[in-house]
């Protein structure tokens, strides 16, 4: 029984594909570091992540897959699901083993590995759409708009272009409390001569940030004077348009899952009531 162990990064997985072909092996198990080895497994091959090897594999995929197929791999990886590692590894290996002239396996939904990667990609894309719908900004006194999120999947890289296009005249920060990083946008380039308007940010000490990671609320002394009024108006409007006779809690939870509520202005304070 051949087992590969890698560092649970995309470059590590691509390096594992390289090693598999170089060593003429097809491992039955691809495990992330720390995962339990199966019974009766041989000494595992520990994959040493190599950027050059990973790049060679990716360039090979660019020659064999469509842009949609490459995007499916990249987006599915953002799910951070360890259960994806094996089918994604198998899928990439099958791409390289396909004879020339045969229709791409990326469209073969009857293949279990392809289907697993495709379904994972769809789940990630579904959540990035929800993030665009459910993000709620608060305005700080310096004019910066803040939104805190905690999605199941690492979707921030997929939504920054949307908000940069929609709110291109104001600075904003979208912060992922679960993964401890965010993206900051400025209407003008950040840094002299850099040309960048969106940068990835982290905080060395999250306990000192001027907002509550548990609910996304800005500290009162940082919040814009008008923002509290706007939040109250939004809650009033949300309640006013609600028709009690047509309330459907099951439908609401399907469209707006409870896990998003703690960061939504109109739902703050309703977690225990609903």
C-alpha atoms as a PDB file:
ATOM      1  CA  UNK A   1       0.000   0.000   0.000  1.00  0.00           C
ATOM      2  CA  UNK A   2       1.566   3.276  -1.156  1.00  0.00           C
ATOM      3  CA  UNK A   3       0.860   6.361   0.961  1.00  0.00           C
ATOM      4  CA  UNK A   4       1.940   9.944   0.262  1.00  0.00           C
ATOM      5  CA  UNK A   5       1.968  12.612   2.981  1.00  0.00           C
ATOM      6  CA  UNK A   6       2.051  16.306   2.041  1.00  0.00           C
ATOM      7  CA  UNK A   7       1.799  19.697   3.764  1.00  0.00           C
ATOM      8  CA  UNK A   8      -1.833  20.343   2.752  1.00  0.00           C
ATOM      9  CA  UNK A   9      -0.967  23.152   0.329  1.00  0.00           C
ATOM     10  CA  UNK A  10      -1.863  23.294  -3.359  1.00  0.00           C
ATOM     11  CA  UNK A  11       1.833  23.437  -4.276  1.00  0.00           C
ATOM     12  CA  UNK A  12       2.341  20.389  -2.074  1.00  0.00           C
ATOM     13  CA  UNK A  13      -0.434  18.488  -3.855  1.00  0.00           C
ATOM     14  CA  UNK A  14       0.980  19.407  -7.269  1.00  0.00           C
ATOM     15  CA  UNK A  15       4.421  18.282  -6.096  1.00  0.00           C
ATOM     16  CA  UNK A  16       2.849  14.976  -5.039  1.00  0.00           C
ATOM     17  CA  UNK A  17       1.568  14.557  -8.601  1.00  0.00           C
ATOM     18  CA  UNK A  18       5.085  15.224  -9.910  1.00  0.00           C
ATOM     19  CA  UNK A  19       6.593  12.662  -7.512  1.00  0.00           C
ATOM     20  CA  UNK A  20       3.942  10.106  -8.459  1.00  0.00           C
ATOM     21  CA  UNK A  21       4.944  10.186 -12.130  1.00  0.00           C
ATOM     22  CA  UNK A  22       8.666  10.537 -11.448  1.00  0.00           C
ATOM     23  CA  UNK A  23       8.640   7.507  -9.137  1.00  0.00           C
ATOM     24  CA  UNK A  24       6.167   5.590 -11.362  1.00  0.00           C
ATOM     25  CA  UNK A  25       3.785   5.160  -8.449  1.00  0.00           C
ATOM     26  CA  UNK A  26       0.067   5.604  -7.948  1.00  0.00           C
ATOM     27  CA  UNK A  27      -0.510   6.076  -4.218  1.00  0.00           C
ATOM     28  CA  UNK A  28      -3.716   4.650  -2.799  1.00  0.00           C
ATOM     29  CA  UNK A  29      -3.781   7.400  -0.168  1.00  0.00           C
ATOM     30  CA  UNK A  30      -2.758  11.045  -0.221  1.00  0.00           C
ATOM     31  CA  UNK A  31      -2.816  12.310   3.360  1.00  0.00           C
ATOM     32  CA  UNK A  32      -2.213  15.722   4.883  1.00  0.00           C
ATOM     33  CA  UNK A  33       0.380  16.029   7.616  1.00  0.00           C
ATOM     34  CA  UNK A  34      -1.095  14.872  10.929  1.00  0.00           C
ATOM     35  CA  UNK A  35      -3.715  12.563   9.419  1.00  0.00           C
ATOM     36  CA  UNK A  36      -3.847   8.989  10.682  1.00  0.00           C
ATOM     37  CA  UNK A  37      -2.051   6.463   8.501  1.00  0.00           C
ATOM     38  CA  UNK A  38      -4.176   3.507   7.350  1.00  0.00           C
ATOM     39  CA  UNK A  39      -3.544   0.083   8.875  1.00  0.00           C
ATOM     40  CA  UNK A  40      -0.849  -2.025   7.230  1.00  0.00           C
ATOM     41  CA  UNK A  41       0.492   0.974   5.316  1.00  0.00           C
ATOM     42  CA  UNK A  42       4.092   0.931   4.157  1.00  0.00           C
ATOM     43  CA  UNK A  43       6.463   3.681   5.199  1.00  0.00           C
ATOM     44  CA  UNK A  44       4.836   6.765   3.648  1.00  0.00           C
ATOM     45  CA  UNK A  45       6.534   8.897   1.053  1.00  0.00           C
ATOM     46  CA  UNK A  46       6.795  12.400   2.536  1.00  0.00           C
ATOM     47  CA  UNK A  47       6.330  14.952  -0.231  1.00  0.00           C
ATOM     48  CA  UNK A  48       8.791  17.844  -0.020  1.00  0.00           C
ATOM     49  CA  UNK A  49       6.895  20.787  -1.506  1.00  0.00           C
ATOM     50  CA  UNK A  50       8.845  22.217  -4.420  1.00  0.00           C
ATOM     51  CA  UNK A  51       7.693  25.352  -6.211  1.00  0.00           C
ATOM     52  CA  UNK A  52       9.427  24.455  -9.470  1.00  0.00           C
ATOM     53  CA  UNK A  53       7.876  20.994  -9.583  1.00  0.00           C
ATOM     54  CA  UNK A  54       4.444  22.429  -8.779  1.00  0.00           C
ATOM     55  CA  UNK A  55       4.817  25.017 -11.540  1.00  0.00           C
ATOM     56  CA  UNK A  56       5.783  22.336 -14.070  1.00  0.00           C
ATOM     57  CA  UNK A  57       2.666  20.343 -13.175  1.00  0.00           C
ATOM     58  CA  UNK A  58       0.442  23.425 -13.429  1.00  0.00           C
ATOM     59  CA  UNK A  59       1.892  24.352 -16.835  1.00  0.00           C
ATOM     60  CA  UNK A  60       1.181  20.801 -17.945  1.00  0.00           C
ATOM     61  CA  UNK A  61      -2.419  21.205 -16.819  1.00  0.00           C
ATOM     62  CA  UNK A  62      -2.684  24.461 -18.774  1.00  0.00           C
ATOM     63  CA  UNK A  63      -1.902  22.493 -21.946  1.00  0.00           C
ATOM     64  CA  UNK A  64      -4.421  19.743 -21.219  1.00  0.00           C
ATOM     65  CA  UNK A  65      -7.354  21.523 -19.575  1.00  0.00           C
ATOM     66  CA  UNK A  66      -9.638  24.353 -20.579  1.00  0.00           C
ATOM     67  CA  UNK A  67      -9.693  27.600 -18.623  1.00  0.00           C
ATOM     68  CA  UNK A  68     -12.849  26.307 -16.911  1.00  0.00           C
ATOM     69  CA  UNK A  69     -11.055  23.118 -15.875  1.00  0.00           C
ATOM     70  CA  UNK A  70      -8.142  25.039 -14.381  1.00  0.00           C
ATOM     71  CA  UNK A  71     -10.572  27.343 -12.594  1.00  0.00           C
ATOM     72  CA  UNK A  72     -12.414  24.314 -11.206  1.00  0.00           C
ATOM     73  CA  UNK A  73      -9.193  23.078  -9.597  1.00  0.00           C
ATOM     74  CA  UNK A  74      -8.246  26.477  -8.163  1.00  0.00           C
ATOM     75  CA  UNK A  75     -11.710  27.240  -6.793  1.00  0.00           C
ATOM     76  CA  UNK A  76     -12.316  23.788  -5.331  1.00  0.00           C
ATOM     77  CA  UNK A  77      -9.051  24.108  -3.401  1.00  0.00           C
ATOM     78  CA  UNK A  78     -10.495  27.157  -1.599  1.00  0.00           C
ATOM     79  CA  UNK A  79     -12.953  24.806   0.112  1.00  0.00           C
ATOM     80  CA  UNK A  80     -10.114  23.746   2.476  1.00  0.00           C
ATOM     81  CA  UNK A  81     -11.791  20.334   2.693  1.00  0.00           C
ATOM     82  CA  UNK A  82      -9.314  17.557   3.421  1.00  0.00           C
ATOM     83  CA  UNK A  83     -11.762  15.139   1.843  1.00  0.00           C
ATOM     84  CA  UNK A  84     -10.999  16.871  -1.469  1.00  0.00           C
ATOM     85  CA  UNK A  85      -7.275  15.993  -1.441  1.00  0.00           C
ATOM     86  CA  UNK A  86      -7.584  12.435  -2.735  1.00  0.00           C
ATOM     87  CA  UNK A  87     -10.133  13.022  -5.547  1.00  0.00           C
ATOM     88  CA  UNK A  88      -8.319  16.187  -6.667  1.00  0.00           C
ATOM     89  CA  UNK A  89      -5.009  14.310  -6.767  1.00  0.00           C
ATOM     90  CA  UNK A  90      -6.640  11.445  -8.674  1.00  0.00           C
ATOM     91  CA  UNK A  91      -8.302  13.852 -11.101  1.00  0.00           C
ATOM     92  CA  UNK A  92      -5.034  15.618 -11.940  1.00  0.00           C
ATOM     93  CA  UNK A  93      -3.234  12.289 -12.414  1.00  0.00           C
ATOM     94  CA  UNK A  94      -6.007  11.120 -14.773  1.00  0.00           C
ATOM     95  CA  UNK A  95      -5.633  14.311 -16.818  1.00  0.00           C
ATOM     96  CA  UNK A  96      -1.964  13.486 -17.483  1.00  0.00           C
ATOM     97  CA  UNK A  97      -2.705   9.841 -18.238  1.00  0.00           C
ATOM     98  CA  UNK A  98      -5.325  10.636 -20.868  1.00  0.00           C
ATOM     99  CA  UNK A  99      -4.300   9.734 -24.432  1.00  0.00           C
ATOM    100  CA  UNK A 100      -4.045  12.582 -26.914  1.00  0.00           C
ATOM    101  CA  UNK A 101      -7.205  13.252 -28.899  1.00  0.00           C
ATOM    102  CA  UNK A 102      -9.540  11.881 -26.235  1.00  0.00           C
ATOM    103  CA  UNK A 103     -12.185  14.318 -24.924  1.00  0.00           C
ATOM    104  CA  UNK A 104     -11.034  15.986 -21.717  1.00  0.00           C
ATOM    105  CA  UNK A 105     -11.907  14.106 -18.553  1.00  0.00           C
ATOM    106  CA  UNK A 106     -12.901  17.411 -16.929  1.00  0.00           C
ATOM    107  CA  UNK A 107     -16.345  17.040 -18.538  1.00  0.00           C
ATOM    108  CA  UNK A 108     -16.861  13.417 -17.491  1.00  0.00           C
ATOM    109  CA  UNK A 109     -19.394  13.756 -14.672  1.00  0.00           C
ATOM    110  CA  UNK A 110     -19.651   9.965 -14.414  1.00  0.00           C
ATOM    111  CA  UNK A 111     -16.106   9.837 -13.030  1.00  0.00           C
ATOM    112  CA  UNK A 112     -16.268   9.904  -9.214  1.00  0.00           C
ATOM    113  CA  UNK A 113     -13.142  12.044  -8.837  1.00  0.00           C
ATOM    114  CA  UNK A 114     -14.241  14.586 -11.426  1.00  0.00           C
ATOM    115  CA  UNK A 115     -17.672  14.773  -9.824  1.00  0.00           C
ATOM    116  CA  UNK A 116     -16.183  15.325  -6.352  1.00  0.00           C
ATOM    117  CA  UNK A 117     -13.999  18.195  -7.595  1.00  0.00           C
ATOM    118  CA  UNK A 118     -16.857  19.725  -9.591  1.00  0.00           C
ATOM    119  CA  UNK A 119     -19.327  19.577  -6.692  1.00  0.00           C
ATOM    120  CA  UNK A 120     -16.787  21.093  -4.314  1.00  0.00           C
ATOM    121  CA  UNK A 121     -16.183  23.920  -6.778  1.00  0.00           C
ATOM    122  CA  UNK A 122     -19.925  24.555  -6.964  1.00  0.00           C
ATOM    123  CA  UNK A 123     -20.198  24.771  -3.169  1.00  0.00           C
ATOM    124  CA  UNK A 124     -17.395  27.330  -3.026  1.00  0.00           C
ATOM    125  CA  UNK A 125     -18.951  29.419  -5.800  1.00  0.00           C
ATOM    126  CA  UNK A 126     -22.323  29.259  -4.045  1.00  0.00           C
ATOM    127  CA  UNK A 127     -20.808  30.650  -0.869  1.00  0.00           C
ATOM    128  CA  UNK A 128     -18.927  33.432  -2.644  1.00  0.00           C
ATOM    129  CA  UNK A 129     -22.284  34.498  -4.083  1.00  0.00           C
ATOM    130  CA  UNK A 130     -23.772  34.517  -0.587  1.00  0.00           C
ATOM    131  CA  UNK A 131     -20.877  36.623   0.654  1.00  0.00           C
ATOM    132  CA  UNK A 132     -21.664  39.239  -1.968  1.00  0.00           C
ATOM    133  CA  UNK A 133     -25.261  39.257  -0.741  1.00  0.00           C
ATOM    134  CA  UNK A 134     -24.749  39.111   3.023  1.00  0.00           C
ATOM    135  CA  UNK A 135     -21.716  41.310   3.694  1.00  0.00           C
ATOM    136  CA  UNK A 136     -22.654  44.358   5.755  1.00  0.00           C
ATOM    137  CA  UNK A 137     -20.289  47.332   6.016  1.00  0.00           C
ATOM    138  CA  UNK A 138     -19.913  49.792   8.880  1.00  0.00           C
ATOM    139  CA  UNK A 139     -18.345  53.205   8.405  1.00  0.00           C
ATOM    140  CA  UNK A 140     -15.494  54.328  10.652  1.00  0.00           C
ATOM    141  CA  UNK A 141     -14.835  57.967  11.483  1.00  0.00           C
ATOM    142  CA  UNK A 142     -11.889  58.075   9.062  1.00  0.00           C
ATOM    143  CA  UNK A 143     -14.211  57.103   6.198  1.00  0.00           C
ATOM    144  CA  UNK A 144     -13.132  53.454   5.942  1.00  0.00           C
ATOM    145  CA  UNK A 145     -15.879  50.854   5.580  1.00  0.00           C
ATOM    146  CA  UNK A 146     -15.397  47.607   7.519  1.00  0.00           C
ATOM    147  CA  UNK A 147     -17.033  44.209   7.082  1.00  0.00           C
ATOM    148  CA  UNK A 148     -16.197  41.093   9.104  1.00  0.00           C
ATOM    149  CA  UNK A 149     -17.050  37.634   7.779  1.00  0.00           C
ATOM    150  CA  UNK A 150     -16.400  34.011   8.738  1.00  0.00           C
ATOM    151  CA  UNK A 151     -17.314  31.851   5.717  1.00  0.00           C
ATOM    152  CA  UNK A 152     -17.044  28.082   5.599  1.00  0.00           C
ATOM    153  CA  UNK A 153     -14.786  28.352   2.544  1.00  0.00           C
ATOM    154  CA  UNK A 154     -11.870  30.678   1.836  1.00  0.00           C
ATOM    155  CA  UNK A 155     -13.817  32.853  -0.597  1.00  0.00           C
ATOM    156  CA  UNK A 156     -12.317  36.308  -0.001  1.00  0.00           C
ATOM    157  CA  UNK A 157     -10.012  36.048  -3.047  1.00  0.00           C
ATOM    158  CA  UNK A 158     -13.111  35.470  -5.192  1.00  0.00           C
ATOM    159  CA  UNK A 159     -15.108  38.505  -4.066  1.00  0.00           C
ATOM    160  CA  UNK A 160     -12.600  41.371  -3.898  1.00  0.00           C
ATOM    161  CA  UNK A 161     -13.027  42.241  -7.591  1.00  0.00           C
ATOM    162  CA  UNK A 162     -16.787  42.568  -7.070  1.00  0.00           C
ATOM    163  CA  UNK A 163     -16.419  45.039  -4.212  1.00  0.00           C
ATOM    164  CA  UNK A 164     -13.569  46.897  -5.880  1.00  0.00           C
ATOM    165  CA  UNK A 165     -15.826  47.463  -8.876  1.00  0.00           C
ATOM    166  CA  UNK A 166     -18.907  48.340  -6.820  1.00  0.00           C
ATOM    167  CA  UNK A 167     -17.263  50.539  -4.183  1.00  0.00           C
ATOM    168  CA  UNK A 168     -14.331  51.956  -6.109  1.00  0.00           C
ATOM    169  CA  UNK A 169     -14.594  55.464  -4.676  1.00  0.00           C
ATOM    170  CA  UNK A 170     -14.231  54.616  -0.982  1.00  0.00           C
ATOM    171  CA  UNK A 171     -11.733  52.712   1.188  1.00  0.00           C
ATOM    172  CA  UNK A 172     -12.888  49.416   2.683  1.00  0.00           C
ATOM    173  CA  UNK A 173     -11.623  46.412   4.586  1.00  0.00           C
ATOM    174  CA  UNK A 174     -13.197  42.941   4.433  1.00  0.00           C
ATOM    175  CA  UNK A 175     -11.763  40.752   7.175  1.00  0.00           C
ATOM    176  CA  UNK A 176     -12.090  36.978   7.564  1.00  0.00           C
ATOM    177  CA  UNK A 177     -12.227  36.314  11.314  1.00  0.00           C
ATOM    178  CA  UNK A 178     -11.938  32.556  10.790  1.00  0.00           C
ATOM    179  CA  UNK A 179      -8.730  32.702   8.747  1.00  0.00           C
ATOM    180  CA  UNK A 180      -7.288  35.843  10.342  1.00  0.00           C
ATOM    181  CA  UNK A 181      -6.666  37.887   7.220  1.00  0.00           C
ATOM    182  CA  UNK A 182      -8.486  40.346   5.022  1.00  0.00           C
ATOM    183  CA  UNK A 183      -8.286  42.632   2.006  1.00  0.00           C
ATOM    184  CA  UNK A 184      -7.989  46.415   2.199  1.00  0.00           C
ATOM    185  CA  UNK A 185      -8.936  48.629  -0.732  1.00  0.00           C
ATOM    186  CA  UNK A 186      -8.012  52.254  -1.323  1.00  0.00           C
ATOM    187  CA  UNK A 187      -9.369  54.444  -4.162  1.00  0.00           C
ATOM    188  CA  UNK A 188      -5.769  55.557  -4.804  1.00  0.00           C
ATOM    189  CA  UNK A 189      -2.683  53.325  -5.140  1.00  0.00           C
ATOM    190  CA  UNK A 190      -1.349  52.020  -1.831  1.00  0.00           C
ATOM    191  CA  UNK A 191       2.327  52.852  -1.479  1.00  0.00           C
ATOM    192  CA  UNK A 192       4.340  55.217  -3.635  1.00  0.00           C
ATOM    193  CA  UNK A 193       4.633  53.909  -7.164  1.00  0.00           C
ATOM    194  CA  UNK A 194       3.075  50.552  -6.256  1.00  0.00           C
ATOM    195  CA  UNK A 195      -0.040  50.811  -8.418  1.00  0.00           C
ATOM    196  CA  UNK A 196      -1.873  48.433  -6.054  1.00  0.00           C
ATOM    197  CA  UNK A 197      -5.291  49.383  -4.722  1.00  0.00           C
ATOM    198  CA  UNK A 198      -6.084  46.087  -2.962  1.00  0.00           C
ATOM    199  CA  UNK A 199      -3.673  44.506  -0.495  1.00  0.00           C
ATOM    200  CA  UNK A 200      -3.862  41.485   1.764  1.00  0.00           C
ATOM    201  CA  UNK A 201      -3.683  42.439   5.452  1.00  0.00           C
ATOM    202  CA  UNK A 202      -3.178  40.611   8.755  1.00  0.00           C
ATOM    203  CA  UNK A 203      -2.981  41.830  12.351  1.00  0.00           C
ATOM    204  CA  UNK A 204      -0.149  40.829  14.670  1.00  0.00           C
ATOM    205  CA  UNK A 205      -2.446  41.285  17.668  1.00  0.00           C
ATOM    206  CA  UNK A 206      -6.113  40.733  16.890  1.00  0.00           C
ATOM    207  CA  UNK A 207      -7.044  41.521  20.495  1.00  0.00           C
ATOM    208  CA  UNK A 208      -6.072  45.144  19.823  1.00  0.00           C
ATOM    209  CA  UNK A 209      -8.153  45.682  16.673  1.00  0.00           C
ATOM    210  CA  UNK A 210     -10.962  48.281  17.003  1.00  0.00           C
ATOM    211  CA  UNK A 211     -13.748  45.817  16.194  1.00  0.00           C
ATOM    212  CA  UNK A 212     -15.289  42.712  17.732  1.00  0.00           C
ATOM    213  CA  UNK A 213     -14.432  39.576  15.756  1.00  0.00           C
ATOM    214  CA  UNK A 214     -17.378  37.690  17.271  1.00  0.00           C
ATOM    215  CA  UNK A 215     -20.002  40.001  15.711  1.00  0.00           C
ATOM    216  CA  UNK A 216     -18.040  42.393  13.497  1.00  0.00           C
ATOM    217  CA  UNK A 217     -19.117  45.530  15.350  1.00  0.00           C
ATOM    218  CA  UNK A 218     -16.796  48.522  15.314  1.00  0.00           C
ATOM    219  CA  UNK A 219     -15.884  50.038  18.677  1.00  0.00           C
ATOM    220  CA  UNK A 220     -18.214  52.906  19.579  1.00  0.00           C
ATOM    221  CA  UNK A 221     -15.387  55.472  19.609  1.00  0.00           C
ATOM    222  CA  UNK A 222     -14.377  54.449  16.081  1.00  0.00           C
ATOM    223  CA  UNK A 223     -17.856  54.173  14.542  1.00  0.00           C
ATOM    224  CA  UNK A 224     -18.979  57.068  12.349  1.00  0.00           C
ATOM    225  CA  UNK A 225     -21.555  59.326  14.025  1.00  0.00           C
ATOM    226  CA  UNK A 226     -24.165  58.646  11.357  1.00  0.00           C
ATOM    227  CA  UNK A 227     -23.570  54.922  11.013  1.00  0.00           C
ATOM    228  CA  UNK A 228     -25.468  53.895  14.151  1.00  0.00           C
ATOM    229  CA  UNK A 229     -28.467  55.869  12.878  1.00  0.00           C
ATOM    230  CA  UNK A 230     -28.234  54.158   9.489  1.00  0.00           C
ATOM    231  CA  UNK A 231     -28.049  50.748  11.163  1.00  0.00           C
ATOM    232  CA  UNK A 232     -31.175  51.515  13.211  1.00  0.00           C
ATOM    233  CA  UNK A 233     -32.967  52.720  10.075  1.00  0.00           C
ATOM    234  CA  UNK A 234     -31.994  49.530   8.231  1.00  0.00           C
ATOM    235  CA  UNK A 235     -33.339  47.344  11.069  1.00  0.00           C
ATOM    236  CA  UNK A 236     -36.578  49.350  11.104  1.00  0.00           C
ATOM    237  CA  UNK A 237     -36.958  48.961   7.353  1.00  0.00           C
ATOM    238  CA  UNK A 238     -36.212  45.233   7.552  1.00  0.00           C
ATOM    239  CA  UNK A 239     -38.949  44.772  10.166  1.00  0.00           C
ATOM    240  CA  UNK A 240     -41.409  47.009   8.325  1.00  0.00           C
ATOM    241  CA  UNK A 241     -41.282  45.029   5.081  1.00  0.00           C
ATOM    242  CA  UNK A 242     -41.763  41.738   6.912  1.00  0.00           C
ATOM    243  CA  UNK A 243     -45.278  40.366   6.432  1.00  0.00           C
ATOM    244  CA  UNK A 244     -45.922  38.116   9.422  1.00  0.00           C
ATOM    245  CA  UNK A 245     -48.661  36.175   7.668  1.00  0.00           C
ATOM    246  CA  UNK A 246     -46.183  35.165   4.972  1.00  0.00           C
ATOM    247  CA  UNK A 247     -43.252  34.295   7.240  1.00  0.00           C
ATOM    248  CA  UNK A 248     -41.560  31.030   6.319  1.00  0.00           C
ATOM    249  CA  UNK A 249     -38.666  30.346   8.748  1.00  0.00           C
ATOM    250  CA  UNK A 250     -37.546  27.220   6.888  1.00  0.00           C
ATOM    251  CA  UNK A 251     -37.304  29.126   3.602  1.00  0.00           C
ATOM    252  CA  UNK A 252     -35.482  31.990   5.302  1.00  0.00           C
ATOM    253  CA  UNK A 253     -32.906  29.654   6.814  1.00  0.00           C
ATOM    254  CA  UNK A 254     -32.401  28.062   3.414  1.00  0.00           C
ATOM    255  CA  UNK A 255     -31.802  31.428   1.734  1.00  0.00           C
ATOM    256  CA  UNK A 256     -29.974  33.029   4.667  1.00  0.00           C
ATOM    257  CA  UNK A 257     -28.287  30.362   6.850  1.00  0.00           C
ATOM    258  CA  UNK A 258     -28.030  31.140  10.543  1.00  0.00           C
ATOM    259  CA  UNK A 259     -24.218  31.048  10.520  1.00  0.00           C
ATOM    260  CA  UNK A 260     -24.187  34.376   8.643  1.00  0.00           C
ATOM    261  CA  UNK A 261     -26.528  36.215  10.992  1.00  0.00           C
ATOM    262  CA  UNK A 262     -24.024  37.363  13.602  1.00  0.00           C
ATOM    263  CA  UNK A 263     -22.391  39.736  11.093  1.00  0.00           C
ATOM    264  CA  UNK A 264     -25.604  41.024   9.516  1.00  0.00           C
ATOM    265  CA  UNK A 265     -26.954  44.356  10.771  1.00  0.00           C
ATOM    266  CA  UNK A 266     -30.613  43.381  10.427  1.00  0.00           C
ATOM    267  CA  UNK A 267     -30.045  40.133  12.323  1.00  0.00           C
ATOM    268  CA  UNK A 268     -27.819  41.322  15.181  1.00  0.00           C
ATOM    269  CA  UNK A 269     -29.530  40.490  18.447  1.00  0.00           C
ATOM    270  CA  UNK A 270     -31.954  37.986  16.914  1.00  0.00           C
ATOM    271  CA  UNK A 271     -29.823  34.867  17.300  1.00  0.00           C
ATOM    272  CA  UNK A 272     -31.479  33.891  20.551  1.00  0.00           C
ATOM    273  CA  UNK A 273     -34.918  35.122  19.592  1.00  0.00           C
ATOM    274  CA  UNK A 274     -35.321  33.166  16.342  1.00  0.00           C
END
